[in-house]
Amino acid sequence: MTLQETTIEAGEIAAALGLGRPTFMRKVSQLVNEEGMPSRLPGRKRWSRAAIEIWIRTYGDRKAAQAVGARTAINIATDRAHLRAAYVNAGGPRVVVDNTGVGA
């Protein structure tokens, strides 16, 4: 195998991510630091093809899981606010139940 077969350059990675090369080059450090993308090979302007291929295969799954987690947190916060408003606006006597075990 040649070096060209075992490594990948920025333009190929950008295309795989649906980005232009200039956009990818601006985002590369963020992708490495925040998204777990493999770093460049030492002394080269290329990346390990195998490492990048594995990262790209799992990148979409990780982003989807993050989006679901964020939506879930938003939904919980929204539901909590609606319930709190419903209880406050219900009027009349209320029973407060502490099931946290903190006061026990």
PDB file of N, CA and C in Angstrom:
ATOM      1  N   MET A   1       0.832  -1.191   0.000  1.00  0.00           N
ATOM      2  CA  MET A   1       0.000   0.000   0.000  1.00  0.00           C
ATOM      3  C   MET A   1       0.872   1.249   0.000  1.00  0.00           C
ATOM      4  N   THR A   2       0.420   2.237  -0.722  1.00  0.00           N
ATOM      5  CA  THR A   2       1.173   3.487  -0.787  1.00  0.00           C
ATOM      6  C   THR A   2       0.676   4.449   0.282  1.00  0.00           C
ATOM      7  N   LEU A   3       1.437   5.498   0.474  1.00  0.00           N
ATOM      8  CA  LEU A   3       1.063   6.531   1.433  1.00  0.00           C
ATOM      9  C   LEU A   3      -0.262   7.173   1.038  1.00  0.00           C
ATOM     10  N   GLN A   4      -0.492   7.355  -0.264  1.00  0.00           N
ATOM     11  CA  GLN A   4      -1.743   7.954  -0.738  1.00  0.00           C
ATOM     12  C   GLN A   4      -2.945   7.069  -0.412  1.00  0.00           C
ATOM     13  N   GLU A   5      -2.761   5.768  -0.383  1.00  0.00           N
ATOM     14  CA  GLU A   5      -3.864   4.850  -0.096  1.00  0.00           C
ATOM     15  C   GLU A   5      -4.183   4.779   1.393  1.00  0.00           C
ATOM     16  N   THR A   6      -3.217   5.016   2.239  1.00  0.00           N
ATOM     17  CA  THR A   6      -3.424   4.886   3.688  1.00  0.00           C
ATOM     18  C   THR A   6      -3.704   6.215   4.377  1.00  0.00           C
ATOM     19  N   THR A   7      -3.602   7.311   3.609  1.00  0.00           N
ATOM     20  CA  THR A   7      -3.878   8.623   4.197  1.00  0.00           C
ATOM     21  C   THR A   7      -4.960   9.321   3.379  1.00  0.00           C
ATOM     22  N   ILE A   8      -5.507  10.376   3.968  1.00  0.00           N
ATOM     23  CA  ILE A   8      -6.573  11.148   3.318  1.00  0.00           C
ATOM     24  C   ILE A   8      -6.275  12.628   3.528  1.00  0.00           C
ATOM     25  N   GLU A   9      -6.602  13.434   2.541  1.00  0.00           N
ATOM     26  CA  GLU A   9      -6.319  14.873   2.649  1.00  0.00           C
ATOM     27  C   GLU A   9      -7.598  15.640   2.968  1.00  0.00           C
ATOM     28  N   ALA A  10      -7.424  16.901   3.290  1.00  0.00           N
ATOM     29  CA  ALA A  10      -8.520  17.745   3.785  1.00  0.00           C
ATOM     30  C   ALA A  10      -9.699  17.825   2.818  1.00  0.00           C
ATOM     31  N   GLY A  11      -9.443  17.926   1.532  1.00  0.00           N
ATOM     32  CA  GLY A  11     -10.518  18.037   0.558  1.00  0.00           C
ATOM     33  C   GLY A  11     -11.435  16.824   0.552  1.00  0.00           C
ATOM     34  N   GLU A  12     -10.859  15.637   0.698  1.00  0.00           N
ATOM     35  CA  GLU A  12     -11.667  14.414   0.733  1.00  0.00           C
ATOM     36  C   GLU A  12     -12.528  14.356   1.999  1.00  0.00           C
ATOM     37  N   ILE A  13     -11.945  14.749   3.129  1.00  0.00           N
ATOM     38  CA  ILE A  13     -12.704  14.756   4.386  1.00  0.00           C
ATOM     39  C   ILE A  13     -13.832  15.775   4.296  1.00  0.00           C
ATOM     40  N   ALA A  14     -13.522  16.958   3.766  1.00  0.00           N
ATOM     41  CA  ALA A  14     -14.532  18.001   3.618  1.00  0.00           C
ATOM     42  C   ALA A  14     -15.692  17.497   2.771  1.00  0.00           C
ATOM     43  N   ALA A  15     -15.399  16.848   1.666  1.00  0.00           N
ATOM     44  CA  ALA A  15     -16.447  16.327   0.782  1.00  0.00           C
ATOM     45  C   ALA A  15     -17.297  15.286   1.503  1.00  0.00           C
ATOM     46  N   ALA A  16     -16.657  14.428   2.289  1.00  0.00           N
ATOM     47  CA  ALA A  16     -17.393  13.397   3.025  1.00  0.00           C
ATOM     48  C   ALA A  16     -18.330  14.014   4.061  1.00  0.00           C
ATOM     49  N   LEU A  17     -17.956  15.172   4.603  1.00  0.00           N
ATOM     50  CA  LEU A  17     -18.779  15.854   5.603  1.00  0.00           C
ATOM     51  C   LEU A  17     -19.770  16.836   4.964  1.00  0.00           C
ATOM     52  N   GLY A  18     -19.699  16.981   3.645  1.00  0.00           N
ATOM     53  CA  GLY A  18     -20.587  17.905   2.960  1.00  0.00           C
ATOM     54  C   GLY A  18     -20.179  19.354   3.130  1.00  0.00           C
ATOM     55  N   LEU A  19     -18.896  19.583   3.347  1.00  0.00           N
ATOM     56  CA  LEU A  19     -18.367  20.938   3.531  1.00  0.00           C
ATOM     57  C   LEU A  19     -17.423  21.278   2.391  1.00  0.00           C
ATOM     58  N   GLY A  20     -17.225  22.570   2.176  1.00  0.00           N
ATOM     59  CA  GLY A  20     -16.179  23.005   1.268  1.00  0.00           C
ATOM     60  C   GLY A  20     -14.841  22.905   2.000  1.00  0.00           C
ATOM     61  N   ARG A  21     -13.754  22.804   1.241  1.00  0.00           N
ATOM     62  CA  ARG A  21     -12.439  22.688   1.870  1.00  0.00           C
ATOM     63  C   ARG A  21     -12.122  23.877   2.772  1.00  0.00           C
ATOM     64  N   PRO A  22     -12.383  25.130   2.339  1.00  0.00           N
ATOM     65  CA  PRO A  22     -12.083  26.270   3.222  1.00  0.00           C
ATOM     66  C   PRO A  22     -12.875  26.212   4.538  1.00  0.00           C
ATOM     67  N   THR A  23     -14.137  25.822   4.460  1.00  0.00           N
ATOM     68  CA  THR A  23     -14.962  25.708   5.673  1.00  0.00           C
ATOM     69  C   THR A  23     -14.403  24.629   6.582  1.00  0.00           C
ATOM     70  N   PHE A  24     -14.052  23.493   5.994  1.00  0.00           N
ATOM     71  CA  PHE A  24     -13.479  22.402   6.780  1.00  0.00           C
ATOM     72  C   PHE A  24     -12.192  22.859   7.473  1.00  0.00           C
ATOM     73  N   MET A  25     -11.329  23.565   6.745  1.00  0.00           N
ATOM     74  CA  MET A  25     -10.059  24.009   7.330  1.00  0.00           C
ATOM     75  C   MET A  25     -10.285  24.986   8.481  1.00  0.00           C
ATOM     76  N   ARG A  26     -11.347  25.802   8.400  1.00  0.00           N
ATOM     77  CA  ARG A  26     -11.662  26.702   9.520  1.00  0.00           C
ATOM     78  C   ARG A  26     -12.169  25.920  10.718  1.00  0.00           C
ATOM     79  N   LYS A  27     -12.857  24.811  10.475  1.00  0.00           N
ATOM     80  CA  LYS A  27     -13.475  24.045  11.558  1.00  0.00           C
ATOM     81  C   LYS A  27     -12.638  22.883  12.067  1.00  0.00           C
ATOM     82  N   VAL A  28     -11.511  22.609  11.456  1.00  0.00           N
ATOM     83  CA  VAL A  28     -10.773  21.390  11.774  1.00  0.00           C
ATOM     84  C   VAL A  28     -10.375  21.314  13.249  1.00  0.00           C
ATOM     85  N   SER A  29      -9.913  22.398  13.842  1.00  0.00           N
ATOM     86  CA  SER A  29      -9.507  22.331  15.247  1.00  0.00           C
ATOM     87  C   SER A  29     -10.716  22.111  16.152  1.00  0.00           C
ATOM     88  N   GLN A  30     -11.862  22.708  15.807  1.00  0.00           N
ATOM     89  CA  GLN A  30     -13.091  22.476  16.579  1.00  0.00           C
ATOM     90  C   GLN A  30     -13.524  21.014  16.452  1.00  0.00           C
ATOM     91  N   LEU A  31     -13.435  20.454  15.251  1.00  0.00           N
ATOM     92  CA  LEU A  31     -13.805  19.048  15.054  1.00  0.00           C
ATOM     93  C   LEU A  31     -12.903  18.125  15.865  1.00  0.00           C
ATOM     94  N   VAL A  32     -11.629  18.451  15.917  1.00  0.00           N
ATOM     95  CA  VAL A  32     -10.681  17.632  16.682  1.00  0.00           C
ATOM     96  C   VAL A  32     -10.940  17.779  18.180  1.00  0.00           C
ATOM     97  N   ASN A  33     -11.072  19.012  18.659  1.00  0.00           N
ATOM     98  CA  ASN A  33     -11.205  19.267  20.092  1.00  0.00           C
ATOM     99  C   ASN A  33     -12.568  18.920  20.661  1.00  0.00           C
ATOM    100  N   GLU A  34     -13.644  19.170  19.898  1.00  0.00           N
ATOM    101  CA  GLU A  34     -14.993  19.015  20.437  1.00  0.00           C
ATOM    102  C   GLU A  34     -15.745  17.811  19.898  1.00  0.00           C
ATOM    103  N   GLU A  35     -15.383  17.342  18.708  1.00  0.00           N
ATOM    104  CA  GLU A  35     -16.144  16.262  18.075  1.00  0.00           C
ATOM    105  C   GLU A  35     -15.385  14.951  17.987  1.00  0.00           C
ATOM    106  N   GLY A  36     -14.156  14.933  18.487  1.00  0.00           N
ATOM    107  CA  GLY A  36     -13.403  13.684  18.528  1.00  0.00           C
ATOM    108  C   GLY A  36     -12.768  13.260  17.217  1.00  0.00           C
ATOM    109  N   MET A  37     -12.663  14.174  16.269  1.00  0.00           N
ATOM    110  CA  MET A  37     -12.026  13.825  15.002  1.00  0.00           C
ATOM    111  C   MET A  37     -10.535  13.563  15.234  1.00  0.00           C
ATOM    112  N   PRO A  38      -9.988  12.550  14.573  1.00  0.00           N
ATOM    113  CA  PRO A  38      -8.540  12.285  14.734  1.00  0.00           C
ATOM    114  C   PRO A  38      -7.706  13.470  14.254  1.00  0.00           C
ATOM    115  N   SER A  39      -6.577  13.665  14.884  1.00  0.00           N
ATOM    116  CA  SER A  39      -5.658  14.738  14.498  1.00  0.00           C
ATOM    117  C   SER A  39      -4.885  14.344  13.242  1.00  0.00           C
ATOM    118  N   ARG A  40      -4.259  15.343  12.642  1.00  0.00           N
ATOM    119  CA  ARG A  40      -3.396  15.078  11.487  1.00  0.00           C
ATOM    120  C   ARG A  40      -2.252  14.165  11.902  1.00  0.00           C
ATOM    121  N   LEU A  41      -1.706  13.497  10.922  1.00  0.00           N
ATOM    122  CA  LEU A  41      -0.517  12.690  11.175  1.00  0.00           C
ATOM    123  C   LEU A  41       0.665  13.623  11.420  1.00  0.00           C
ATOM    124  N   PRO A  42       1.555  13.264  12.331  1.00  0.00           N
ATOM    125  CA  PRO A  42       2.689  14.140  12.639  1.00  0.00           C
ATOM    126  C   PRO A  42       3.529  14.438  11.390  1.00  0.00           C
ATOM    127  N   GLY A  43       3.835  15.709  11.196  1.00  0.00           N
ATOM    128  CA  GLY A  43       4.695  16.116  10.092  1.00  0.00           C
ATOM    129  C   GLY A  43       4.029  16.067   8.730  1.00  0.00           C
ATOM    130  N   ARG A  44       2.720  15.880   8.686  1.00  0.00           N
ATOM    131  CA  ARG A  44       2.012  15.770   7.406  1.00  0.00           C
ATOM    132  C   ARG A  44       0.786  16.669   7.402  1.00  0.00           C
ATOM    133  N   LYS A  45       0.302  16.941   6.213  1.00  0.00           N
ATOM    134  CA  LYS A  45      -0.953  17.672   6.064  1.00  0.00           C
ATOM    135  C   LYS A  45      -2.044  16.682   5.660  1.00  0.00           C
ATOM    136  N   ARG A  46      -1.946  15.481   6.199  1.00  0.00           N
ATOM    137  CA  ARG A  46      -2.882  14.409   5.876  1.00  0.00           C
ATOM    138  C   ARG A  46      -3.274  13.688   7.160  1.00  0.00           C
ATOM    139  N   TRP A  47      -4.353  12.921   7.076  1.00  0.00           N
ATOM    140  CA  TRP A  47      -4.871  12.159   8.196  1.00  0.00           C
ATOM    141  C   TRP A  47      -4.831  10.672   7.854  1.00  0.00           C
ATOM    142  N   SER A  48      -4.904   9.837   8.859  1.00  0.00           N
ATOM    143  CA  SER A  48      -5.005   8.394   8.646  1.00  0.00           C
ATOM    144  C   SER A  48      -6.374   8.099   8.038  1.00  0.00           C
ATOM    145  N   ARG A  49      -6.385   7.465   6.870  1.00  0.00           N
ATOM    146  CA  ARG A  49      -7.639   7.164   6.188  1.00  0.00           C
ATOM    147  C   ARG A  49      -8.519   6.255   7.051  1.00  0.00           C
ATOM    148  N   ALA A  50      -7.940   5.232   7.651  1.00  0.00           N
ATOM    149  CA  ALA A  50      -8.723   4.294   8.470  1.00  0.00           C
ATOM    150  C   ALA A  50      -9.359   5.007   9.661  1.00  0.00           C
ATOM    151  N   ALA A  51      -8.588   5.855  10.343  1.00  0.00           N
ATOM    152  CA  ALA A  51      -9.110   6.563  11.522  1.00  0.00           C
ATOM    153  C   ALA A  51     -10.231   7.525  11.132  1.00  0.00           C
ATOM    154  N   ILE A  52     -10.057   8.227  10.026  1.00  0.00           N
ATOM    155  CA  ILE A  52     -11.087   9.172   9.571  1.00  0.00           C
ATOM    156  C   ILE A  52     -12.342   8.425   9.134  1.00  0.00           C
ATOM    157  N   GLU A  53     -12.186   7.314   8.434  1.00  0.00           N
ATOM    158  CA  GLU A  53     -13.353   6.544   7.996  1.00  0.00           C
ATOM    159  C   GLU A  53     -14.163   6.046   9.197  1.00  0.00           C
ATOM    160  N   ILE A  54     -13.492   5.576  10.226  1.00  0.00           N
ATOM    161  CA  ILE A  54     -14.194   5.131  11.440  1.00  0.00           C
ATOM    162  C   ILE A  54     -14.897   6.310  12.097  1.00  0.00           C
ATOM    163  N   TRP A  55     -14.209   7.437  12.206  1.00  0.00           N
ATOM    164  CA  TRP A  55     -14.804   8.624  12.834  1.00  0.00           C
ATOM    165  C   TRP A  55     -16.033   9.093  12.061  1.00  0.00           C
ATOM    166  N   ILE A  56     -15.947   9.135  10.737  1.00  0.00           N
ATOM    167  CA  ILE A  56     -17.083   9.592   9.926  1.00  0.00           C
ATOM    168  C   ILE A  56     -18.266   8.644  10.094  1.00  0.00           C
ATOM    169  N   ARG A  57     -18.027   7.338  10.136  1.00  0.00           N
ATOM    170  CA  ARG A  57     -19.127   6.380  10.320  1.00  0.00           C
ATOM    171  C   ARG A  57     -19.855   6.599  11.635  1.00  0.00           C
ATOM    172  N   THR A  58     -19.146   6.965  12.688  1.00  0.00           N
ATOM    173  CA  THR A  58     -19.765   7.138  13.997  1.00  0.00           C
ATOM    174  C   THR A  58     -20.186   8.579  14.280  1.00  0.00           C
ATOM    175  N   TYR A  59     -19.700   9.530  13.488  1.00  0.00           N
ATOM    176  CA  TYR A  59     -19.979  10.950  13.717  1.00  0.00           C
ATOM    177  C   TYR A  59     -21.470  11.243  13.624  1.00  0.00           C
ATOM    178  N   GLY A  60     -22.128  10.746  12.613  1.00  0.00           N
ATOM    179  CA  GLY A  60     -23.563  10.977  12.443  1.00  0.00           C
ATOM    180  C   GLY A  60     -24.371  10.418  13.605  1.00  0.00           C
ATOM    181  N   ASP A  61     -23.996   9.227  14.070  1.00  0.00           N
ATOM    182  CA  ASP A  61     -24.691   8.621  15.212  1.00  0.00           C
ATOM    183  C   ASP A  61     -24.529   9.463  16.470  1.00  0.00           C
ATOM    184  N   ARG A  62     -23.316   9.967  16.695  1.00  0.00           N
ATOM    185  CA  ARG A  62     -23.074  10.796  17.885  1.00  0.00           C
ATOM    186  C   ARG A  62     -23.864  12.097  17.806  1.00  0.00           C
ATOM    187  N   LYS A  63     -23.887  12.741  16.633  1.00  0.00           N
ATOM    188  CA  LYS A  63     -24.614  13.996  16.490  1.00  0.00           C
ATOM    189  C   LYS A  63     -26.111  13.776  16.682  1.00  0.00           C
ATOM    190  N   ALA A  64     -26.636  12.667  16.173  1.00  0.00           N
ATOM    191  CA  ALA A  64     -28.067  12.371  16.331  1.00  0.00           C
ATOM    192  C   ALA A  64     -28.390  12.147  17.803  1.00  0.00           C
ATOM    193  N   ALA A  65     -27.530  11.430  18.512  1.00  0.00           N
ATOM    194  CA  ALA A  65     -27.757  11.177  19.941  1.00  0.00           C
ATOM    195  C   ALA A  65     -27.713  12.479  20.732  1.00  0.00           C
ATOM    196  N   GLN A  66     -26.803  13.384  20.377  1.00  0.00           N
ATOM    197  CA  GLN A  66     -26.733  14.676  21.058  1.00  0.00           C
ATOM    198  C   GLN A  66     -27.999  15.486  20.818  1.00  0.00           C
ATOM    199  N   ALA A  67     -28.501  15.451  19.591  1.00  0.00           N
ATOM    200  CA  ALA A  67     -29.716  16.204  19.256  1.00  0.00           C
ATOM    201  C   ALA A  67     -30.913  15.656  20.021  1.00  0.00           C
ATOM    202  N   VAL A  68     -31.018  14.332  20.124  1.00  0.00           N
ATOM    203  CA  VAL A  68     -32.122  13.727  20.875  1.00  0.00           C
ATOM    204  C   VAL A  68     -32.012  14.106  22.343  1.00  0.00           C
ATOM    205  N   GLY A  69     -30.808  14.060  22.895  1.00  0.00           N
ATOM    206  CA  GLY A  69     -30.601  14.446  24.292  1.00  0.00           C
ATOM    207  C   GLY A  69     -30.990  15.883  24.549  1.00  0.00           C
ATOM    208  N   ALA A  70     -30.638  16.768  23.629  1.00  0.00           N
ATOM    209  CA  ALA A  70     -30.981  18.188  23.781  1.00  0.00           C
ATOM    210  C   ALA A  70     -32.490  18.385  23.699  1.00  0.00           C
ATOM    211  N   ARG A  71     -33.137  17.699  22.744  1.00  0.00           N
ATOM    212  CA  ARG A  71     -34.593  17.821  22.627  1.00  0.00           C
ATOM    213  C   ARG A  71     -35.275  17.277  23.868  1.00  0.00           C
ATOM    214  N   THR A  72     -34.776  16.176  24.409  1.00  0.00           N
ATOM    215  CA  THR A  72     -35.360  15.595  25.611  1.00  0.00           C
ATOM    216  C   THR A  72     -35.264  16.570  26.773  1.00  0.00           C
ATOM    217  N   ALA A  73     -34.112  17.193  26.947  1.00  0.00           N
ATOM    218  CA  ALA A  73     -33.945  18.165  28.033  1.00  0.00           C
ATOM    219  C   ALA A  73     -34.894  19.342  27.863  1.00  0.00           C
ATOM    220  N   ILE A  74     -35.065  19.803  26.641  1.00  0.00           N
ATOM    221  CA  ILE A  74     -35.987  20.912  26.385  1.00  0.00           C
ATOM    222  C   ILE A  74     -37.416  20.486  26.687  1.00  0.00           C
ATOM    223  N   ASN A  75     -37.778  19.276  26.249  1.00  0.00           N
ATOM    224  CA  ASN A  75     -39.132  18.777  26.508  1.00  0.00           C
ATOM    225  C   ASN A  75     -39.404  18.650  28.006  1.00  0.00           C
ATOM    226  N   ILE A  76     -38.443  18.151  28.754  1.00  0.00           N
ATOM    227  CA  ILE A  76     -38.609  18.007  30.207  1.00  0.00           C
ATOM    228  C   ILE A  76     -38.794  19.378  30.843  1.00  0.00           C
ATOM    229  N   ALA A  77     -37.980  20.337  30.456  1.00  0.00           N
ATOM    230  CA  ALA A  77     -38.089  21.688  31.020  1.00  0.00           C
ATOM    231  C   ALA A  77     -39.439  22.312  30.679  1.00  0.00           C
ATOM    232  N   THR A  78     -39.896  22.115  29.452  1.00  0.00           N
ATOM    233  CA  THR A  78     -41.192  22.657  29.042  1.00  0.00           C
ATOM    234  C   THR A  78     -42.324  22.002  29.816  1.00  0.00           C
ATOM    235  N   ASP A  79     -42.293  20.679  29.917  1.00  0.00           N
ATOM    236  CA  ASP A  79     -43.331  19.961  30.664  1.00  0.00           C
ATOM    237  C   ASP A  79     -43.348  20.382  32.132  1.00  0.00           C
ATOM    238  N   ARG A  80     -42.172  20.546  32.710  1.00  0.00           N
ATOM    239  CA  ARG A  80     -42.077  20.956  34.112  1.00  0.00           C
ATOM    240  C   ARG A  80     -42.711  22.333  34.308  1.00  0.00           C
ATOM    241  N   ALA A  81     -42.421  23.254  33.385  1.00  0.00           N
ATOM    242  CA  ALA A  81     -42.983  24.606  33.482  1.00  0.00           C
ATOM    243  C   ALA A  81     -44.506  24.575  33.350  1.00  0.00           C
ATOM    244  N   HIS A  82     -45.027  23.759  32.448  1.00  0.00           N
ATOM    245  CA  HIS A  82     -46.479  23.644  32.282  1.00  0.00           C
ATOM    246  C   HIS A  82     -47.139  23.058  33.533  1.00  0.00           C
ATOM    247  N   LEU A  83     -46.521  22.035  34.094  1.00  0.00           N
ATOM    248  CA  LEU A  83     -47.071  21.437  35.313  1.00  0.00           C
ATOM    249  C   LEU A  83     -47.049  22.424  36.475  1.00  0.00           C
ATOM    250  N   ARG A  84     -45.948  23.129  36.619  1.00  0.00           N
ATOM    251  CA  ARG A  84     -45.835  24.110  37.699  1.00  0.00           C
ATOM    252  C   ARG A  84     -46.915  25.180  37.547  1.00  0.00           C
ATOM    253  N   ALA A  85     -47.107  25.668  36.332  1.00  0.00           N
ATOM    254  CA  ALA A  85     -48.128  26.683  36.077  1.00  0.00           C
ATOM    255  C   ALA A  85     -49.513  26.127  36.367  1.00  0.00           C
ATOM    256  N   ALA A  86     -49.773  24.881  36.003  1.00  0.00           N
ATOM    257  CA  ALA A  86     -51.078  24.270  36.246  1.00  0.00           C
ATOM    258  C   ALA A  86     -51.346  24.148  37.743  1.00  0.00           C
ATOM    259  N   TYR A  87     -50.343  23.754  38.513  1.00  0.00           N
ATOM    260  CA  TYR A  87     -50.522  23.606  39.958  1.00  0.00           C
ATOM    261  C   TYR A  87     -50.726  24.959  40.632  1.00  0.00           C
ATOM    262  N   VAL A  88     -49.994  25.967  40.207  1.00  0.00           N
ATOM    263  CA  VAL A  88     -50.105  27.296  40.799  1.00  0.00           C
ATOM    264  C   VAL A  88     -51.467  27.900  40.477  1.00  0.00           C
ATOM    265  N   ASN A  89     -51.939  27.714  39.253  1.00  0.00           N
ATOM    266  CA  ASN A  89     -53.197  28.295  38.816  1.00  0.00           C
ATOM    267  C   ASN A  89     -54.421  27.489  39.235  1.00  0.00           C
ATOM    268  N   ALA A  90     -54.232  26.306  39.797  1.00  0.00           N
ATOM    269  CA  ALA A  90     -55.364  25.449  40.162  1.00  0.00           C
ATOM    270  C   ALA A  90     -56.161  26.041  41.319  1.00  0.00           C
ATOM    271  N   GLY A  91     -55.516  26.771  42.199  1.00  0.00           N
ATOM    272  CA  GLY A  91     -56.197  27.380  43.346  1.00  0.00           C
ATOM    273  C   GLY A  91     -56.653  26.330  44.344  1.00  0.00           C
ATOM    274  N   GLY A  92     -57.242  26.792  45.421  1.00  0.00           N
ATOM    275  CA  GLY A  92     -57.738  25.867  46.436  1.00  0.00           C
ATOM    276  C   GLY A  92     -56.615  25.232  47.224  1.00  0.00           C
ATOM    277  N   PRO A  93     -56.997  24.369  48.195  1.00  0.00           N
ATOM    278  CA  PRO A  93     -55.978  23.731  49.021  1.00  0.00           C
ATOM    279  C   PRO A  93     -55.116  22.774  48.202  1.00  0.00           C
ATOM    280  N   ARG A  94     -53.863  22.739  48.555  1.00  0.00           N
ATOM    281  CA  ARG A  94     -52.939  21.846  47.863  1.00  0.00           C
ATOM    282  C   ARG A  94     -52.218  20.996  48.884  1.00  0.00           C
ATOM    283  N   VAL A  95     -51.920  19.797  48.494  1.00  0.00           N
ATOM    284  CA  VAL A  95     -51.150  18.895  49.339  1.00  0.00           C
ATOM    285  C   VAL A  95     -49.757  18.811  48.732  1.00  0.00           C
ATOM    286  N   VAL A  96     -48.766  19.039  49.570  1.00  0.00           N
ATOM    287  CA  VAL A  96     -47.394  18.949  49.101  1.00  0.00           C
ATOM    288  C   VAL A  96     -46.824  17.621  49.575  1.00  0.00           C
ATOM    289  N   VAL A  97     -46.347  16.839  48.656  1.00  0.00           N
ATOM    290  CA  VAL A  97     -45.773  15.533  48.980  1.00  0.00           C
ATOM    291  C   VAL A  97     -44.284  15.595  48.671  1.00  0.00           C
ATOM    292  N   ASP A  98     -43.490  15.288  49.694  1.00  0.00           N
ATOM    293  CA  ASP A  98     -42.043  15.259  49.512  1.00  0.00           C
ATOM    294  C   ASP A  98     -41.627  13.798  49.408  1.00  0.00           C
ATOM    295  N   ASN A  99     -41.388  13.341  48.188  1.00  0.00           N
ATOM    296  CA  ASN A  99     -40.969  11.958  48.008  1.00  0.00           C
ATOM    297  C   ASN A  99     -39.498  11.854  47.663  1.00  0.00           C
ATOM    298  N   THR A 100     -38.753  12.885  47.982  1.00  0.00           N
ATOM    299  CA  THR A 100     -37.322  12.881  47.698  1.00  0.00           C
ATOM    300  C   THR A 100     -36.528  12.151  48.761  1.00  0.00           C
ATOM    301  N   GLY A 101     -37.098  12.028  49.955  1.00  0.00           N
ATOM    302  CA  GLY A 101     -36.379  11.381  51.045  1.00  0.00           C
ATOM    303  C   GLY A 101     -35.404  12.303  51.731  1.00  0.00           C
ATOM    304  N   VAL A 102     -35.306  13.541  51.294  1.00  0.00           N
ATOM    305  CA  VAL A 102     -34.349  14.489  51.870  1.00  0.00           C
ATOM    306  C   VAL A 102     -34.766  14.867  53.291  1.00  0.00           C
ATOM    307  N   GLY A 103     -36.065  15.050  53.525  1.00  0.00           N
ATOM    308  CA  GLY A 103     -36.536  15.477  54.837  1.00  0.00           C
ATOM    309  C   GLY A 103     -36.655  14.342  55.843  1.00  0.00           C
ATOM    310  N   ALA A 104     -36.420  13.124  55.418  1.00  0.00           N
ATOM    311  CA  ALA A 104     -36.604  11.967  56.310  1.00  0.00           C
ATOM    312  C   ALA A 104     -35.478  11.809  57.270  1.00  0.00           C
TER     313      ALA A 104
END
